[in-house]
Amino acid sequence: MGTTIIIWCQAFSAAVFVAVGQPVFDSVLRSYIRDHAPRVDVEAVITAGATGLRDTVTREQLPDVLKAYNEACTRVFVSP
């Protein structure tokens, strides 16, 4: 019974983390891209995702967008 409860709590907390983390990530990413790379199409970056990011922005914009991605990922894992 104890093992079942622990496994359920782990699965439940993972589901909650994903549900809460995604909006935080999107919000912070949008904000940082607007601040650090104002000429970048935010929706295109979010739609492309991390794997299509390099195909979405120019070489000059890439460092600023990567910085925004880094800040958004960091923010998800840090308590406000």
C-alpha atoms as a PDB file:
ATOM      1  CA  MET A   1       0.000   0.000   0.000  1.00  0.00           C
ATOM      2  CA  GLY A   2       2.807   2.419   0.876  1.00  0.00           C
ATOM      3  CA  THR A   3       4.599   1.796  -2.418  1.00  0.00           C
ATOM      4  CA  THR A   4       1.396   2.402  -4.339  1.00  0.00           C
ATOM      5  CA  ILE A   5       0.850   5.723  -2.589  1.00  0.00           C
ATOM      6  CA  ILE A   6       4.418   6.838  -3.284  1.00  0.00           C
ATOM      7  CA  ILE A   7       4.154   5.936  -6.976  1.00  0.00           C
ATOM      8  CA  TRP A   8       0.807   7.717  -7.263  1.00  0.00           C
ATOM      9  CA  CYS A   9       2.234  10.838  -5.591  1.00  0.00           C
ATOM     10  CA  GLN A  10       5.186  10.859  -7.990  1.00  0.00           C
ATOM     11  CA  ALA A  11       2.933  10.528 -11.017  1.00  0.00           C
ATOM     12  CA  PHE A  12       0.502  13.146  -9.733  1.00  0.00           C
ATOM     13  CA  SER A  13       3.252  15.654  -8.919  1.00  0.00           C
ATOM     14  CA  ALA A  14       4.752  15.178 -12.394  1.00  0.00           C
ATOM     15  CA  ALA A  15       1.377  15.885 -13.989  1.00  0.00           C
ATOM     16  CA  VAL A  16       0.924  19.017 -11.878  1.00  0.00           C
ATOM     17  CA  PHE A  17       4.449  20.204 -12.647  1.00  0.00           C
ATOM     18  CA  VAL A  18       3.888  19.924 -16.403  1.00  0.00           C
ATOM     19  CA  ALA A  19       0.505  21.653 -16.151  1.00  0.00           C
ATOM     20  CA  VAL A  20       1.958  24.566 -14.184  1.00  0.00           C
ATOM     21  CA  GLY A  21       5.389  24.691 -15.807  1.00  0.00           C
ATOM     22  CA  GLN A  22       4.243  25.083 -19.402  1.00  0.00           C
ATOM     23  CA  PRO A  23       2.315  28.353 -18.918  1.00  0.00           C
ATOM     24  CA  VAL A  24       5.182  29.766 -16.845  1.00  0.00           C
ATOM     25  CA  PHE A  25       7.657  28.807 -19.576  1.00  0.00           C
ATOM     26  CA  ASP A  26       5.507  30.340 -22.339  1.00  0.00           C
ATOM     27  CA  SER A  27       4.929  33.545 -20.404  1.00  0.00           C
ATOM     28  CA  VAL A  28       8.579  34.074 -19.511  1.00  0.00           C
ATOM     29  CA  LEU A  29       9.766  33.136 -23.014  1.00  0.00           C
ATOM     30  CA  ARG A  30       7.373  35.617 -24.614  1.00  0.00           C
ATOM     31  CA  SER A  31       8.443  38.357 -22.234  1.00  0.00           C
ATOM     32  CA  TYR A  32      12.179  37.781 -22.650  1.00  0.00           C
ATOM     33  CA  ILE A  33      12.003  37.516 -26.433  1.00  0.00           C
ATOM     34  CA  ARG A  34      10.090  40.800 -26.585  1.00  0.00           C
ATOM     35  CA  ASP A  35      12.724  42.421 -24.336  1.00  0.00           C
ATOM     36  CA  HIS A  36      15.915  40.957 -25.833  1.00  0.00           C
ATOM     37  CA  ALA A  37      14.944  40.318 -29.460  1.00  0.00           C
ATOM     38  CA  PRO A  38      12.030  42.603 -30.333  1.00  0.00           C
ATOM     39  CA  ARG A  39      12.220  41.895 -34.086  1.00  0.00           C
ATOM     40  CA  VAL A  40      11.687  38.152 -33.629  1.00  0.00           C
ATOM     41  CA  ASP A  41       8.249  36.663 -34.254  1.00  0.00           C
ATOM     42  CA  VAL A  42       7.436  35.182 -30.840  1.00  0.00           C
ATOM     43  CA  GLU A  43       4.664  32.947 -32.124  1.00  0.00           C
ATOM     44  CA  ALA A  44       6.947  31.464 -34.787  1.00  0.00           C
ATOM     45  CA  VAL A  45       9.581  30.659 -32.163  1.00  0.00           C
ATOM     46  CA  ILE A  46       7.061  29.009 -29.854  1.00  0.00           C
ATOM     47  CA  THR A  47       5.489  27.063 -32.711  1.00  0.00           C
ATOM     48  CA  ALA A  48       8.897  25.869 -33.944  1.00  0.00           C
ATOM     49  CA  GLY A  49       9.896  24.663 -30.508  1.00  0.00           C
ATOM     50  CA  ALA A  50      13.436  24.074 -29.323  1.00  0.00           C
ATOM     51  CA  THR A  51      14.317  21.745 -32.192  1.00  0.00           C
ATOM     52  CA  GLY A  52      13.190  24.128 -34.947  1.00  0.00           C
ATOM     53  CA  LEU A  53      14.509  27.275 -33.325  1.00  0.00           C
ATOM     54  CA  ARG A  54      17.622  27.650 -35.484  1.00  0.00           C
ATOM     55  CA  ASP A  55      15.518  27.491 -38.658  1.00  0.00           C
ATOM     56  CA  THR A  56      13.146  30.192 -37.403  1.00  0.00           C
ATOM     57  CA  VAL A  57      15.489  33.051 -36.492  1.00  0.00           C
ATOM     58  CA  THR A  58      18.486  34.631 -38.179  1.00  0.00           C
ATOM     59  CA  ARG A  59      22.056  34.013 -37.103  1.00  0.00           C
ATOM     60  CA  GLU A  60      22.195  37.473 -35.515  1.00  0.00           C
ATOM     61  CA  GLN A  61      19.000  36.912 -33.511  1.00  0.00           C
ATOM     62  CA  LEU A  62      19.930  33.420 -32.332  1.00  0.00           C
ATOM     63  CA  PRO A  63      22.050  34.386 -29.278  1.00  0.00           C
ATOM     64  CA  ASP A  64      19.275  36.593 -27.886  1.00  0.00           C
ATOM     65  CA  VAL A  65      16.596  33.961 -28.474  1.00  0.00           C
ATOM     66  CA  LEU A  66      18.768  31.255 -26.887  1.00  0.00           C
ATOM     67  CA  LYS A  67      19.279  33.544 -23.904  1.00  0.00           C
ATOM     68  CA  ALA A  68      15.493  33.938 -23.643  1.00  0.00           C
ATOM     69  CA  TYR A  69      15.028  30.145 -23.833  1.00  0.00           C
ATOM     70  CA  ASN A  70      17.625  29.682 -21.105  1.00  0.00           C
ATOM     71  CA  GLU A  71      15.960  32.209 -18.840  1.00  0.00           C
ATOM     72  CA  ALA A  72      12.531  30.631 -19.411  1.00  0.00           C
ATOM     73  CA  CYS A  73      13.811  27.128 -18.625  1.00  0.00           C
ATOM     74  CA  THR A  74      15.582  28.384 -15.527  1.00  0.00           C
ATOM     75  CA  ARG A  75      12.489  30.231 -14.362  1.00  0.00           C
ATOM     76  CA  VAL A  76      10.352  27.076 -14.563  1.00  0.00           C
ATOM     77  CA  PHE A  77      12.642  25.246 -12.163  1.00  0.00           C
ATOM     78  CA  VAL A  78      13.127  28.120  -9.698  1.00  0.00           C
ATOM     79  CA  SER A  79      10.473  29.051  -7.166  1.00  0.00           C
ATOM     80  CA  PRO A  80       9.122  32.578  -7.607  1.00  0.00           C
END
